[in-house]
N, C-alpha and C. Protein backbone atom coordinates (compact mmCIF):
# COMPACT_ATOMS: atom_id res chain seq x y z
N UNK A 1 95.38 -166.81 42.41
CA UNK A 1 96.64 -166.31 42.53
C UNK A 1 96.21 -165.92 43.96
N UNK A 2 95.42 -165.01 44.50
CA UNK A 2 95.38 -164.48 46.32
C UNK A 2 95.66 -165.64 47.23
N UNK A 3 95.55 -166.74 46.93
CA UNK A 3 96.31 -168.00 47.84
C UNK A 3 97.50 -168.13 47.15
N UNK A 4 97.79 -167.97 46.29
CA UNK A 4 99.04 -168.50 45.52
C UNK A 4 100.24 -167.28 46.66
N UNK A 5 99.15 -166.01 46.85
CA UNK A 5 100.19 -164.75 47.17
C UNK A 5 100.41 -164.84 48.75
N UNK A 6 99.26 -165.97 49.40
CA UNK A 6 99.68 -166.00 51.02
C UNK A 6 100.62 -167.10 51.37
N UNK A 7 100.70 -167.85 50.20
CA UNK A 7 101.01 -169.39 50.10
C UNK A 7 102.95 -168.87 50.05
N UNK A 8 103.23 -167.83 49.53
CA UNK A 8 104.40 -167.19 48.92
C UNK A 8 105.13 -166.54 50.40
N UNK A 9 104.01 -165.80 51.08
CA UNK A 9 104.12 -164.76 52.14
C UNK A 9 104.25 -166.04 53.24
N UNK A 10 103.77 -166.89 53.45
CA UNK A 10 104.25 -167.97 54.36
C UNK A 10 105.52 -168.86 53.90
N UNK A 11 105.56 -169.23 52.81
CA UNK A 11 107.16 -169.85 52.57
C UNK A 11 108.26 -169.33 53.27
N UNK A 12 108.73 -170.61 53.75
CA UNK A 12 110.26 -170.28 54.64
C UNK A 12 111.70 -170.73 53.42
N UNK A 13 111.43 -171.18 52.64
CA UNK A 13 112.42 -171.83 51.82
C UNK A 13 112.37 -171.34 50.83
N UNK A 14 113.65 -170.63 50.05
CA UNK A 14 113.70 -169.75 48.56
C UNK A 14 112.93 -170.72 47.69
N UNK A 15 113.57 -172.35 47.73
CA UNK A 15 113.04 -173.01 46.09
C UNK A 15 111.71 -173.13 46.41
N UNK A 16 110.69 -173.27 47.81
CA UNK A 16 109.38 -173.17 47.33
C UNK A 16 108.47 -171.99 46.97
N UNK A 17 109.83 -170.67 47.34
CA UNK A 17 108.72 -169.39 46.73
C UNK A 17 109.19 -169.34 45.22
N UNK A 18 110.47 -169.53 44.74
CA UNK A 18 110.28 -169.52 43.47
C UNK A 18 109.51 -170.95 42.57
N UNK A 19 109.29 -171.99 43.35
CA UNK A 19 108.17 -172.52 42.67
C UNK A 19 106.96 -172.28 42.62
N UNK A 20 106.46 -171.47 43.81
CA UNK A 20 105.23 -170.99 43.75
C UNK A 20 105.13 -169.71 43.09
N UNK A 21 106.18 -168.72 42.42
CA UNK A 21 106.10 -167.64 41.37
C UNK A 21 106.16 -168.08 40.28
N UNK A 22 106.82 -169.37 40.02
CA UNK A 22 106.70 -170.05 38.73
C UNK A 22 105.31 -170.59 38.25
N UNK A 23 104.79 -170.99 39.00
CA UNK A 23 103.20 -171.39 39.01
C UNK A 23 102.10 -170.27 38.50
N UNK A 24 102.65 -169.15 38.66
CA UNK A 24 101.68 -168.00 38.20
C UNK A 24 101.96 -168.04 36.81
N UNK A 25 102.98 -167.63 36.42
CA UNK A 25 103.18 -168.14 34.84
C UNK A 25 103.57 -166.13 34.43
N UNK A 26 103.59 -165.89 33.64
CA UNK A 26 104.11 -164.62 32.90
C UNK A 26 102.88 -163.53 33.71
N UNK A 27 101.71 -163.75 32.93
CA UNK A 27 100.73 -163.17 33.30
C UNK A 27 100.47 -162.88 34.89
N UNK A 28 100.57 -163.63 35.52
CA UNK A 28 100.20 -163.64 37.11
C UNK A 28 101.56 -162.94 37.83
N UNK A 29 102.81 -163.23 37.35
CA UNK A 29 103.92 -162.31 38.03
C UNK A 29 103.74 -160.91 37.45
N UNK A 30 103.36 -160.91 36.40
CA UNK A 30 102.92 -159.01 36.12
C UNK A 30 102.10 -158.83 36.76
N UNK A 31 100.77 -159.31 37.01
CA UNK A 31 99.90 -158.71 37.84
C UNK A 31 100.14 -158.49 39.35
N UNK A 32 101.15 -159.43 39.97
CA UNK A 32 101.99 -159.59 41.24
C UNK A 32 102.52 -158.16 41.13
N UNK A 33 103.46 -157.76 40.38
CA UNK A 33 104.52 -156.68 40.24
C UNK A 33 103.33 -155.11 40.03
N UNK A 34 102.42 -155.52 39.50
CA UNK A 34 101.52 -154.23 39.39
C UNK A 34 101.26 -153.87 40.75
N UNK A 35 100.53 -155.08 41.70
CA UNK A 35 99.73 -154.76 42.99
C UNK A 35 100.44 -154.75 43.96
N UNK A 36 102.10 -154.95 43.72
CA UNK A 36 102.83 -155.24 45.29
C UNK A 36 102.70 -154.15 46.44
N UNK A 37 102.62 -152.75 45.22
CA UNK A 37 102.45 -151.72 46.48
C UNK A 37 101.54 -151.83 47.34
N UNK A 38 100.23 -152.39 46.99
CA UNK A 38 99.43 -152.80 48.27
C UNK A 38 99.70 -152.76 49.59
N UNK A 39 100.75 -153.61 49.39
CA UNK A 39 101.53 -154.69 50.49
C UNK A 39 101.83 -153.71 51.41
N UNK A 40 102.17 -152.34 50.72
CA UNK A 40 103.06 -151.28 51.93
C UNK A 40 102.42 -150.56 52.25
N UNK A 41 101.14 -150.43 51.47
CA UNK A 41 99.92 -149.54 52.28
C UNK A 41 99.30 -150.46 53.72
N UNK A 42 99.21 -151.66 53.13
CA UNK A 42 98.25 -152.23 54.42
C UNK A 42 99.86 -152.08 55.49
N UNK A 43 100.81 -152.14 55.36
CA UNK A 43 102.10 -152.31 56.33
C UNK A 43 101.98 -150.78 57.35
N UNK A 44 101.47 -149.43 56.16
CA UNK A 44 101.56 -148.45 56.82
C UNK A 44 100.31 -148.34 57.60
N UNK A 45 98.82 -148.80 57.29
CA UNK A 45 97.93 -148.50 57.70
C UNK A 45 97.95 -149.65 59.11
N UNK A 46 98.62 -150.58 59.52
CA UNK A 46 98.46 -151.20 60.41
C UNK A 46 99.33 -150.95 61.60
N UNK A 47 100.55 -150.27 60.88
CA UNK A 47 101.51 -149.54 62.39
C UNK A 47 100.44 -148.33 62.59
N UNK A 48 100.00 -147.45 62.11
CA UNK A 48 98.80 -146.56 62.42
C UNK A 48 97.89 -147.23 63.22
N UNK A 49 97.22 -148.06 62.95
CA UNK A 49 96.15 -148.77 63.96
C UNK A 49 96.87 -149.30 65.16
N UNK A 50 97.68 -150.13 65.28
CA UNK A 50 98.21 -150.66 66.57
C UNK A 50 99.03 -149.26 67.27
N UNK A 51 99.55 -148.56 66.47
CA UNK A 51 100.31 -147.43 67.53
C UNK A 51 99.20 -146.64 68.33
N UNK A 52 98.33 -146.29 67.62
CA UNK A 52 96.78 -145.24 67.94
C UNK A 52 96.33 -146.36 68.88
N UNK A 53 96.14 -147.71 69.14
CA UNK A 53 95.55 -148.30 69.86
C UNK A 53 96.67 -148.42 71.03
N UNK A 54 97.93 -148.48 70.77
CA UNK A 54 98.81 -148.69 72.00
C UNK A 54 98.56 -147.28 72.74
N UNK A 55 98.91 -146.05 72.03
CA UNK A 55 98.66 -144.72 72.55
C UNK A 55 97.17 -144.60 73.31
N UNK A 56 96.17 -145.06 72.89
CA UNK A 56 94.98 -145.05 73.80
C UNK A 56 95.28 -146.07 74.78
N UNK A 57 95.34 -147.02 74.84
CA UNK A 57 95.76 -147.68 76.21
C UNK A 57 96.44 -147.13 77.36
N UNK A 58 98.02 -146.57 77.13
CA UNK A 58 98.71 -145.67 77.66
C UNK A 58 98.06 -144.93 78.30
N UNK A 59 97.21 -143.78 77.50
CA UNK A 59 96.67 -142.63 77.67
C UNK A 59 95.92 -143.19 78.80
N UNK A 60 94.85 -143.95 78.59
CA UNK A 60 93.71 -144.85 79.35
C UNK A 60 94.08 -145.22 80.65
N UNK A 61 95.31 -145.73 80.98
CA UNK A 61 95.89 -146.40 82.45
C UNK A 61 96.80 -145.26 82.59
N UNK A 62 96.99 -144.02 81.80
CA UNK A 62 97.86 -143.21 82.47
C UNK A 62 99.06 -143.94 82.86
N UNK A 63 99.63 -144.22 82.03
CA UNK A 63 101.02 -145.05 82.29
C UNK A 63 102.34 -144.20 81.21
N UNK A 64 101.66 -142.83 81.21
CA UNK A 64 102.70 -142.08 80.04
C UNK A 64 103.73 -141.63 81.17
N UNK A 65 104.92 -141.50 80.77
CA UNK A 65 106.13 -141.76 81.39
C UNK A 65 106.64 -140.16 81.38
N UNK A 66 106.87 -139.82 82.69
CA UNK A 66 107.51 -138.47 82.99
C UNK A 66 108.82 -138.46 82.95
N UNK A 67 109.34 -137.24 82.85
CA UNK A 67 111.10 -137.09 82.79
C UNK A 67 111.66 -136.43 83.90
């Protein structure tokens, strides 16, 4: 199923997405619904990571905007 989730995320057509989800069956869809919240955790963690990297680079290069 892990590869199916990646395929779902990379599918750009609604029909293709439906086809992928239907291929999982009832148990696969149930498991997906149970663990989808982890995608929000990843998104939050990545936003913190990239904003921290950007803040460090700005501070390091002394590009802090002054009013």
